[in-house]
C-alpha atoms as a PDB file:
ATOM      1  CA  MET A   1       0.000   0.000   0.000  1.00  0.00           C
ATOM      2  CA  THR A   2       1.364   3.434  -0.947  1.00  0.00           C
ATOM      3  CA  HIS A   3       1.829   5.853   1.943  1.00  0.00           C
ATOM      4  CA  PRO A   4       0.595   9.431   1.329  1.00  0.00           C
ATOM      5  CA  LEU A   5       4.079  10.927   1.776  1.00  0.00           C
ATOM      6  CA  GLU A   6       5.379   8.854  -1.134  1.00  0.00           C
ATOM      7  CA  ASN A   7       3.112  10.731  -3.556  1.00  0.00           C
ATOM      8  CA  LEU A   8       4.098  14.216  -2.438  1.00  0.00           C
ATOM      9  CA  ASP A   9       6.785  16.573  -3.669  1.00  0.00           C
ATOM     10  CA  SER A  10       9.758  16.916  -1.279  1.00  0.00           C
ATOM     11  CA  ALA A  11       8.918  20.616  -0.764  1.00  0.00           C
ATOM     12  CA  GLN A  12       5.289  19.871   0.103  1.00  0.00           C
ATOM     13  CA  THR A  13       4.210  21.107   3.530  1.00  0.00           C
ATOM     14  CA  VAL A  14       2.256  18.626   5.635  1.00  0.00           C
ATOM     15  CA  GLN A  15       0.913  18.304   9.163  1.00  0.00           C
ATOM     16  CA  VAL A  16       1.882  15.035  10.815  1.00  0.00           C
ATOM     17  CA  LEU A  17       1.535  12.914  13.945  1.00  0.00           C
ATOM     18  CA  PRO A  18       2.941  11.408  16.115  1.00  0.00           C
ATOM     19  CA  ARG A  19       5.245  14.183  17.149  1.00  0.00           C
ATOM     20  CA  HIS A  20       8.238  12.016  18.049  1.00  0.00           C
ATOM     21  CA  LEU A  21       8.716  11.041  14.385  1.00  0.00           C
ATOM     22  CA  ALA A  22       8.164  14.440  12.757  1.00  0.00           C
ATOM     23  CA  GLY A  23      11.778  15.584  12.429  1.00  0.00           C
ATOM     24  CA  PRO A  24      13.407  18.652  13.988  1.00  0.00           C
ATOM     25  CA  GLY A  25      11.620  21.485  12.199  1.00  0.00           C
ATOM     26  CA  ALA A  26      13.000  25.034  12.046  1.00  0.00           C
ATOM     27  CA  LEU A  27      15.931  25.327  14.453  1.00  0.00           C
ATOM     28  CA  ASP A  28      15.532  28.885  15.710  1.00  0.00           C
ATOM     29  CA  PRO A  29      16.921  29.275  19.256  1.00  0.00           C
ATOM     30  CA  ARG A  30      14.625  32.201  20.027  1.00  0.00           C
ATOM     31  CA  THR A  31      11.616  30.072  19.114  1.00  0.00           C
ATOM     32  CA  ALA A  32      12.853  26.983  20.931  1.00  0.00           C
ATOM     33  CA  TRP A  33      13.596  28.851  24.164  1.00  0.00           C
ATOM     34  CA  ALA A  34      10.677  31.314  24.168  1.00  0.00           C
ATOM     35  CA  PHE A  35      12.279  33.418  26.904  1.00  0.00           C
ATOM     36  CA  PRO A  36      11.299  37.100  27.320  1.00  0.00           C
ATOM     37  CA  PHE A  37      14.490  38.635  25.960  1.00  0.00           C
ATOM     38  CA  ASP A  38      12.994  42.105  26.326  1.00  0.00           C
ATOM     39  CA  GLU A  39      12.723  41.542  30.082  1.00  0.00           C
ATOM     40  CA  GLY A  40      16.324  41.013  31.110  1.00  0.00           C
ATOM     41  CA  TRP A  41      17.107  37.624  29.579  1.00  0.00           C
ATOM     42  CA  LEU A  42      20.421  37.703  27.737  1.00  0.00           C
ATOM     43  CA  PHE A  43      20.807  36.274  24.229  1.00  0.00           C
ATOM     44  CA  ALA A  44      23.782  35.965  21.900  1.00  0.00           C
ATOM     45  CA  GLN A  45      24.359  34.082  18.658  1.00  0.00           C
ATOM     46  CA  THR A  46      27.424  33.713  16.448  1.00  0.00           C
ATOM     47  CA  ASP A  47      27.569  33.622  12.669  1.00  0.00           C
ATOM     48  CA  ASN A  48      27.846  29.817  12.671  1.00  0.00           C
ATOM     49  CA  GLY A  49      24.562  29.479  14.599  1.00  0.00           C
ATOM     50  CA  THR A  50      25.944  28.778  18.076  1.00  0.00           C
ATOM     51  CA  ALA A  51      23.665  30.497  20.586  1.00  0.00           C
ATOM     52  CA  ALA A  52      23.391  31.059  24.326  1.00  0.00           C
ATOM     53  CA  ALA A  53      20.864  32.576  26.690  1.00  0.00           C
ATOM     54  CA  PHE A  54      20.987  33.438  30.394  1.00  0.00           C
ATOM     55  CA  SER A  55      18.278  34.239  32.896  1.00  0.00           C
ATOM     56  CA  PRO A  56      18.480  37.657  34.604  1.00  0.00           C
ATOM     57  CA  CYS A  57      19.588  35.922  37.821  1.00  0.00           C
ATOM     58  CA  LEU A  58      22.359  34.103  35.886  1.00  0.00           C
ATOM     59  CA  ARG A  59      21.375  30.788  37.436  1.00  0.00           C
ATOM     60  CA  LEU A  60      19.920  29.352  34.215  1.00  0.00           C
ATOM     61  CA  GLN A  61      21.948  28.908  31.058  1.00  0.00           C
ATOM     62  CA  THR A  62      20.811  27.479  27.727  1.00  0.00           C
ATOM     63  CA  THR A  63      23.029  26.844  24.713  1.00  0.00           C
ATOM     64  CA  TYR A  64      22.673  25.590  21.161  1.00  0.00           C
ATOM     65  CA  ASP A  65      25.756  24.045  19.557  1.00  0.00           C
ATOM     66  CA  PRO A  66      25.081  23.048  15.928  1.00  0.00           C
ATOM     67  CA  GLN A  67      27.289  20.264  14.582  1.00  0.00           C
ATOM     68  CA  PRO A  68      25.759  19.342  11.204  1.00  0.00           C
ATOM     69  CA  ASP A  69      28.353  16.644  10.437  1.00  0.00           C
ATOM     70  CA  LYS A  70      27.534  14.588  13.555  1.00  0.00           C
ATOM     71  CA  PRO A  71      24.619  12.124  13.935  1.00  0.00           C
ATOM     72  CA  GLY A  72      22.592  14.315  16.305  1.00  0.00           C
ATOM     73  CA  LYS A  73      23.413  17.468  14.288  1.00  0.00           C
ATOM     74  CA  GLY A  74      24.458  19.215  17.494  1.00  0.00           C
ATOM     75  CA  THR A  75      23.170  19.715  21.026  1.00  0.00           C
ATOM     76  CA  TRP A  76      20.729  21.877  22.958  1.00  0.00           C
ATOM     77  CA  THR A  77      21.807  22.117  26.602  1.00  0.00           C
ATOM     78  CA  THR A  78      20.166  23.659  29.660  1.00  0.00           C
ATOM     79  CA  THR A  79      21.973  23.952  32.988  1.00  0.00           C
ATOM     80  CA  ALA A  80      20.841  25.260  36.370  1.00  0.00           C
ATOM     81  CA  HIS A  81      23.222  26.588  39.031  1.00  0.00           C
ATOM     82  CA  GLN A  82      22.588  27.247  42.688  1.00  0.00           C
ATOM     83  CA  ALA A  83      24.593  30.485  42.468  1.00  0.00           C
ATOM     84  CA  PRO A  84      24.840  32.944  39.566  1.00  0.00           C
ATOM     85  CA  PHE A  85      26.857  31.465  36.704  1.00  0.00           C
ATOM     86  CA  THR A  86      29.375  33.631  34.883  1.00  0.00           C
ATOM     87  CA  PRO A  87      31.909  32.210  32.398  1.00  0.00           C
ATOM     88  CA  PRO A  88      34.515  30.862  32.845  1.00  0.00           C
ATOM     89  CA  ASP A  89      32.908  29.434  35.996  1.00  0.00           C
ATOM     90  CA  PHE A  90      33.415  25.655  35.895  1.00  0.00           C
ATOM     91  CA  THR A  91      31.309  24.821  38.945  1.00  0.00           C
ATOM     92  CA  PRO A  92      29.192  21.767  38.062  1.00  0.00           C
ATOM     93  CA  PRO A  93      25.511  22.603  37.579  1.00  0.00           C
ATOM     94  CA  ALA A  94      22.876  21.424  40.032  1.00  0.00           C
ATOM     95  CA  TRP A  95      21.116  19.746  37.105  1.00  0.00           C
ATOM     96  CA  TRP A  96      21.170  19.664  33.316  1.00  0.00           C
ATOM     97  CA  ILE A  97      19.139  18.696  30.254  1.00  0.00           C
ATOM     98  CA  THR A  98      20.453  17.881  26.779  1.00  0.00           C
ATOM     99  CA  PHE A  99      18.582  17.421  23.499  1.00  0.00           C
ATOM    100  CA  ASP A 100      19.989  16.344  20.165  1.00  0.00           C
ATOM    101  CA  ALA A 101      19.556  19.058  17.544  1.00  0.00           C
ATOM    102  CA  THR A 102      17.369  16.560  15.665  1.00  0.00           C
ATOM    103  CA  THR A 103      14.732  16.735  18.426  1.00  0.00           C
ATOM    104  CA  PRO A 104      11.405  18.216  17.228  1.00  0.00           C
ATOM    105  CA  VAL A 105      11.700  21.880  18.104  1.00  0.00           C
ATOM    106  CA  GLU A 106       8.152  21.967  19.491  1.00  0.00           C
ATOM    107  CA  LEU A 107       9.203  19.562  22.254  1.00  0.00           C
ATOM    108  CA  LEU A 108      12.079  21.873  23.149  1.00  0.00           C
ATOM    109  CA  HIS A 109       9.744  24.846  23.177  1.00  0.00           C
ATOM    110  CA  ASP A 110       7.298  23.164  25.562  1.00  0.00           C
ATOM    111  CA  VAL A 111      10.027  22.122  28.017  1.00  0.00           C
ATOM    112  CA  HIS A 112      11.577  25.594  28.044  1.00  0.00           C
ATOM    113  CA  THR A 113       8.171  27.227  28.420  1.00  0.00           C
ATOM    114  CA  GLU A 114       7.673  25.144  31.557  1.00  0.00           C
ATOM    115  CA  LEU A 115      11.169  26.128  32.702  1.00  0.00           C
ATOM    116  CA  LEU A 116      10.229  29.785  32.317  1.00  0.00           C
ATOM    117  CA  ASP A 117       7.082  29.181  34.370  1.00  0.00           C
ATOM    118  CA  LEU A 118       9.180  27.660  37.168  1.00  0.00           C
ATOM    119  CA  TYR A 119      11.577  30.588  37.046  1.00  0.00           C
ATOM    120  CA  LEU A 120       8.745  33.116  37.274  1.00  0.00           C
ATOM    121  CA  GLU A 121       7.053  31.230  40.126  1.00  0.00           C
ATOM    122  CA  ASP A 122      10.304  31.329  42.099  1.00  0.00           C
ATOM    123  CA  ARG A 123      10.864  34.981  41.291  1.00  0.00           C
ATOM    124  CA  HIS A 124       7.464  36.054  42.586  1.00  0.00           C
ATOM    125  CA  SER A 125       7.313  33.810  45.667  1.00  0.00           C
ATOM    126  CA  ASP A 126       9.499  32.412  48.414  1.00  0.00           C
ATOM    127  CA  GLN A 127       9.689  29.042  46.657  1.00  0.00           C
ATOM    128  CA  ASP A 128      12.734  27.514  44.992  1.00  0.00           C
ATOM    129  CA  ARG A 129      11.107  25.006  42.649  1.00  0.00           C
ATOM    130  CA  LEU A 130      14.072  25.077  40.295  1.00  0.00           C
ATOM    131  CA  PHE A 131      16.012  23.143  42.918  1.00  0.00           C
ATOM    132  CA  GLN A 132      13.419  21.819  45.378  1.00  0.00           C
ATOM    133  CA  GLU A 133      10.564  20.805  43.105  1.00  0.00           C
ATOM    134  CA  GLU A 134       8.536  17.964  44.611  1.00  0.00           C
ATOM    135  CA  MET A 135       6.438  16.555  41.758  1.00  0.00           C
ATOM    136  CA  ALA A 136       6.366  12.754  42.000  1.00  0.00           C
ATOM    137  CA  PRO A 137       7.802  10.851  39.019  1.00  0.00           C
ATOM    138  CA  TYR A 138       4.435   9.162  38.526  1.00  0.00           C
ATOM    139  CA  GLU A 139       2.890  12.494  37.601  1.00  0.00           C
ATOM    140  CA  ALA A 140       5.288  12.757  34.658  1.00  0.00           C
ATOM    141  CA  TYR A 141       4.636   9.338  33.149  1.00  0.00           C
ATOM    142  CA  ALA A 142       0.992   8.711  34.096  1.00  0.00           C
ATOM    143  CA  PRO A 143      -0.250  10.603  30.998  1.00  0.00           C
ATOM    144  CA  LEU A 144       1.826   8.276  28.812  1.00  0.00           C
ATOM    145  CA  LEU A 145       0.104   5.239  30.315  1.00  0.00           C
ATOM    146  CA  ALA A 146      -3.293   6.881  29.834  1.00  0.00           C
ATOM    147  CA  CYS A 147      -2.497   7.240  26.119  1.00  0.00           C
ATOM    148  CA  GLY A 148      -1.625   3.593  25.583  1.00  0.00           C
ATOM    149  CA  TRP A 149       2.125   3.650  26.072  1.00  0.00           C
ATOM    150  CA  SER A 150       3.480   0.339  27.380  1.00  0.00           C
ATOM    151  CA  HIS A 151       5.325  -0.003  30.684  1.00  0.00           C
ATOM    152  CA  ASP A 152       8.245  -2.331  31.412  1.00  0.00           C
ATOM    153  CA  VAL A 153      10.153  -2.436  34.714  1.00  0.00           C
ATOM    154  CA  LYS A 154      13.662  -3.892  34.996  1.00  0.00           C
ATOM    155  CA  THR A 155      15.601  -5.026  38.050  1.00  0.00           C
ATOM    156  CA  ASP A 156      18.461  -2.681  37.083  1.00  0.00           C
ATOM    157  CA  GLY A 157      16.454   0.245  38.452  1.00  0.00           C
ATOM    158  CA  THR A 158      14.882   1.410  35.214  1.00  0.00           C
ATOM    159  CA  GLN A 159      11.375   1.520  33.856  1.00  0.00           C
ATOM    160  CA  THR A 160      10.626   2.120  30.195  1.00  0.00           C
ATOM    161  CA  PHE A 161       7.535   3.513  28.494  1.00  0.00           C
ATOM    162  CA  LEU A 162       7.128   2.847  24.769  1.00  0.00           C
ATOM    163  CA  ALA A 163       4.775   4.586  22.352  1.00  0.00           C
ATOM    164  CA  PRO A 164       2.121   2.376  20.729  1.00  0.00           C
ATOM    165  CA  ASP A 165       4.203   2.350  17.516  1.00  0.00           C
ATOM    166  CA  GLU A 166       7.294   1.337  19.577  1.00  0.00           C
ATOM    167  CA  LEU A 167       9.213   4.097  17.782  1.00  0.00           C
ATOM    168  CA  GLY A 168       9.371   6.484  20.722  1.00  0.00           C
ATOM    169  CA  GLY A 169      10.098   6.013  24.382  1.00  0.00           C
ATOM    170  CA  VAL A 170      10.805   7.456  27.811  1.00  0.00           C
ATOM    171  CA  ARG A 171      13.088   5.675  30.277  1.00  0.00           C
ATOM    172  CA  HIS A 172      13.164   6.516  33.981  1.00  0.00           C
ATOM    173  CA  GLN A 173      16.126   5.605  36.190  1.00  0.00           C
ATOM    174  CA  TYR A 174      14.190   5.264  39.437  1.00  0.00           C
ATOM    175  CA  ALA A 175      17.216   3.976  41.378  1.00  0.00           C
ATOM    176  CA  ASN A 176      19.978   6.572  41.585  1.00  0.00           C
ATOM    177  CA  GLY A 177      22.802   5.788  39.175  1.00  0.00           C
ATOM    178  CA  ALA A 178      25.582   8.341  38.948  1.00  0.00           C
ATOM    179  CA  ASP A 179      26.586   7.234  35.463  1.00  0.00           C
ATOM    180  CA  ARG A 180      23.106   7.537  33.951  1.00  0.00           C
ATOM    181  CA  PRO A 181      20.575  10.344  33.469  1.00  0.00           C
ATOM    182  CA  ALA A 182      17.413  10.176  35.567  1.00  0.00           C
ATOM    183  CA  TRP A 183      15.255  10.372  32.439  1.00  0.00           C
ATOM    184  CA  ARG A 184      15.933   9.612  28.793  1.00  0.00           C
ATOM    185  CA  ALA A 185      13.509  10.090  25.897  1.00  0.00           C
ATOM    186  CA  TRP A 186      13.876   9.302  22.207  1.00  0.00           C
ATOM    187  CA  GLY A 187      12.122   9.085  18.866  1.00  0.00           C
ATOM    188  CA  GLY A 188      12.824   6.479  16.185  1.00  0.00           C
ATOM    189  CA  PHE A 189      14.182   2.954  16.463  1.00  0.00           C
ATOM    190  CA  PRO A 190      15.624   2.445  19.993  1.00  0.00           C
ATOM    191  CA  SER A 191      18.881   1.105  18.552  1.00  0.00           C
ATOM    192  CA  GLU A 192      19.333   4.133  16.277  1.00  0.00           C
ATOM    193  CA  PRO A 193      16.998   6.954  17.368  1.00  0.00           C
ATOM    194  CA  HIS A 194      16.374  10.086  15.347  1.00  0.00           C
ATOM    195  CA  TRP A 195      16.815  12.125  18.530  1.00  0.00           C
ATOM    196  CA  THR A 196      17.531  11.683  22.234  1.00  0.00           C
ATOM    197  CA  ALA A 197      16.837  13.868  25.264  1.00  0.00           C
ATOM    198  CA  ARG A 198      18.451  13.376  28.671  1.00  0.00           C
ATOM    199  CA  PHE A 199      17.531  14.828  32.088  1.00  0.00           C
ATOM    200  CA  SER A 200      20.000  14.562  34.973  1.00  0.00           C
ATOM    201  CA  PHE A 201      19.111  13.682  38.536  1.00  0.00           C
ATOM    202  CA  GLY A 202      17.878  16.810  40.274  1.00  0.00           C
ATOM    203  CA  THR A 203      16.045  18.127  37.208  1.00  0.00           C
ATOM    204  CA  PRO A 204      12.527  19.255  38.205  1.00  0.00           C
ATOM    205  CA  THR A 205      10.114  16.470  37.302  1.00  0.00           C
ATOM    206  CA  THR A 206       7.678  19.034  35.952  1.00  0.00           C
ATOM    207  CA  LEU A 207      10.066  19.581  33.023  1.00  0.00           C
ATOM    208  CA  VAL A 208       9.897  15.876  32.207  1.00  0.00           C
ATOM    209  CA  ALA A 209       6.114  16.106  32.505  1.00  0.00           C
ATOM    210  CA  ALA A 210       6.147  18.967  29.982  1.00  0.00           C
ATOM    211  CA  LEU A 211       8.064  16.785  27.531  1.00  0.00           C
ATOM    212  CA  ALA A 212       5.677  13.867  28.060  1.00  0.00           C
ATOM    213  CA  ALA A 213       2.655  16.115  27.510  1.00  0.00           C
ATOM    214  CA  SER A 214       4.180  17.459  24.316  1.00  0.00           C
ATOM    215  CA  LEU A 215       4.946  13.947  23.061  1.00  0.00           C
ATOM    216  CA  ILE A 216       1.336  12.802  23.393  1.00  0.00           C
ATOM    217  CA  SER A 217      -0.243  16.025  22.168  1.00  0.00           C
ATOM    218  CA  THR A 218      -2.629  15.519  19.253  1.00  0.00           C
ATOM    219  CA  GLU A 219      -1.759  18.922  17.790  1.00  0.00           C
ATOM    220  CA  PRO A 220       0.024  17.987  14.532  1.00  0.00           C
ATOM    221  CA  LEU A 221       3.378  19.451  13.558  1.00  0.00           C
ATOM    222  CA  HIS A 222       4.065  21.319  10.306  1.00  0.00           C
ATOM    223  CA  ARG A 223       6.898  19.871   8.243  1.00  0.00           C
ATOM    224  CA  THR A 224       8.079  19.709   4.658  1.00  0.00           C
ATOM    225  CA  VAL A 225       8.291  16.174   3.324  1.00  0.00           C
ATOM    226  CA  GLN A 226      12.065  16.442   2.865  1.00  0.00           C
ATOM    227  CA  ASP A 227      12.544  17.240   6.569  1.00  0.00           C
ATOM    228  CA  ILE A 228      10.762  14.110   7.824  1.00  0.00           C
ATOM    229  CA  PRO A 229      13.024  11.140   8.717  1.00  0.00           C
ATOM    230  CA  VAL A 230      12.762   8.557   5.944  1.00  0.00           C
ATOM    231  CA  LEU A 231      13.079   5.298   7.891  1.00  0.00           C
ATOM    232  CA  THR A 232       9.941   5.825   9.987  1.00  0.00           C
ATOM    233  CA  ARG A 233       7.717   7.711   7.546  1.00  0.00           C
ATOM    234  CA  ARG A 234       5.259   4.852   7.224  1.00  0.00           C
ATOM    235  CA  ALA A 235       4.447   5.191  10.930  1.00  0.00           C
ATOM    236  CA  LEU A 236       3.306   8.807  10.439  1.00  0.00           C
ATOM    237  CA  TYR A 237      -0.241  10.031   9.988  1.00  0.00           C
ATOM    238  CA  VAL A 238      -0.647  12.855   7.496  1.00  0.00           C
ATOM    239  CA  THR A 239      -3.452  15.066   8.790  1.00  0.00           C
ATOM    240  CA  THR A 240      -3.280  17.971   6.311  1.00  0.00           C
ATOM    241  CA  THR A 241      -1.364  18.938   3.187  1.00  0.00           C
ATOM    242  CA  THR A 242      -0.843  22.477   1.917  1.00  0.00           C
ATOM    243  CA  ALA A 243       0.639  23.784  -1.340  1.00  0.00           C
ATOM    244  CA  ARG A 244       1.705  21.518  -4.188  1.00  0.00           C
ATOM    245  CA  GLN A 245      -1.219  19.228  -3.561  1.00  0.00           C
ATOM    246  CA  ALA A 246      -0.821  15.579  -4.488  1.00  0.00           C
ATOM    247  CA  PRO A 247      -3.137  14.070  -7.147  1.00  0.00           C
ATOM    248  CA  SER A 248      -6.786  13.884  -6.114  1.00  0.00           C
ATOM    249  CA  ASN A 249      -6.741  10.094  -5.881  1.00  0.00           C
ATOM    250  CA  THR A 250      -4.152  10.216  -3.068  1.00  0.00           C
ATOM    251  CA  LEU A 251      -5.711   9.311   0.262  1.00  0.00           C
ATOM    252  CA  ALA A 252      -4.383  10.653   3.518  1.00  0.00           C
ATOM    253  CA  ALA A 253      -3.826   8.188   6.301  1.00  0.00           C
ATOM    254  CA  PRO A 254      -6.463   8.365   9.063  1.00  0.00           C
ATOM    255  CA  PRO A 255      -5.506  10.248  12.221  1.00  0.00           C
ATOM    256  CA  PRO A 256      -4.647   8.205  15.317  1.00  0.00           C
ATOM    257  CA  PRO A 257      -7.219   7.828  18.097  1.00  0.00           C
ATOM    258  CA  ALA A 258      -7.277  10.897  20.322  1.00  0.00           C
ATOM    259  CA  PRO A 259      -5.441  10.170  23.597  1.00  0.00           C
ATOM    260  CA  ALA A 260      -6.675  11.216  26.985  1.00  0.00           C
ATOM    261  CA  SER A 261      -6.189  14.886  27.643  1.00  0.00           C
ATOM    262  CA  GLY A 262      -2.886  16.057  29.054  1.00  0.00           C
ATOM    263  CA  ARG A 263      -1.283  19.422  29.492  1.00  0.00           C
ATOM    264  CA  THR A 264       0.146  20.747  26.275  1.00  0.00           C
ATOM    265  CA  ARG A 265       1.523  24.086  25.321  1.00  0.00           C
END
């Protein structure tokens, strides 16, 4: 059976689900981070695309390091420091998050939007949720289970949640392991994922919950056909096509069943 994407021009714009297989999209640091740069957040970007941003308190740092010749095409990194961070300060961060540059940019946006919310809550209260957040791990992965993701627990201290198509996953290291991240998420074949995200121990669980909510969102992502990973295209649902329409006898794949509601941004 011919898949709809096979009948479309490579420059055709489509809307697709599930999100974890959509491809990275437009890699604009300002869009991915969504910080209020007109309100004291610092931003800088070099001619080669490398970018960095700092919160006004200098405790949060985000960077984008494009490396187009490497498998992940570069890295998005967020670090949080107990005290203001100023280069060349080499004090280890309290926690960190990394995303491959091939991660769908909408997932990055949703995680950093939640990070901004945490920052603002701390700024306008006596809380310190950036470093003392108390959300239980279950609250991060329960929405995945409600949407049909499978659950497998290992005796090595990990539990893994796989998407119904088995081409996306979230792994939780529930027993502290210094050599492993607390959370790892990916899209694509587990042995060779399109993208990987990692959250260190100490990262607020609400940021993991934001990623999970974005993964299961039923809001489709806009992509050109040429930007969608080839190996998993047949697992995608094409919800809408725009411009350079395919022949009228081309049928779009049906959308997936709507999952239970979860917070999305």
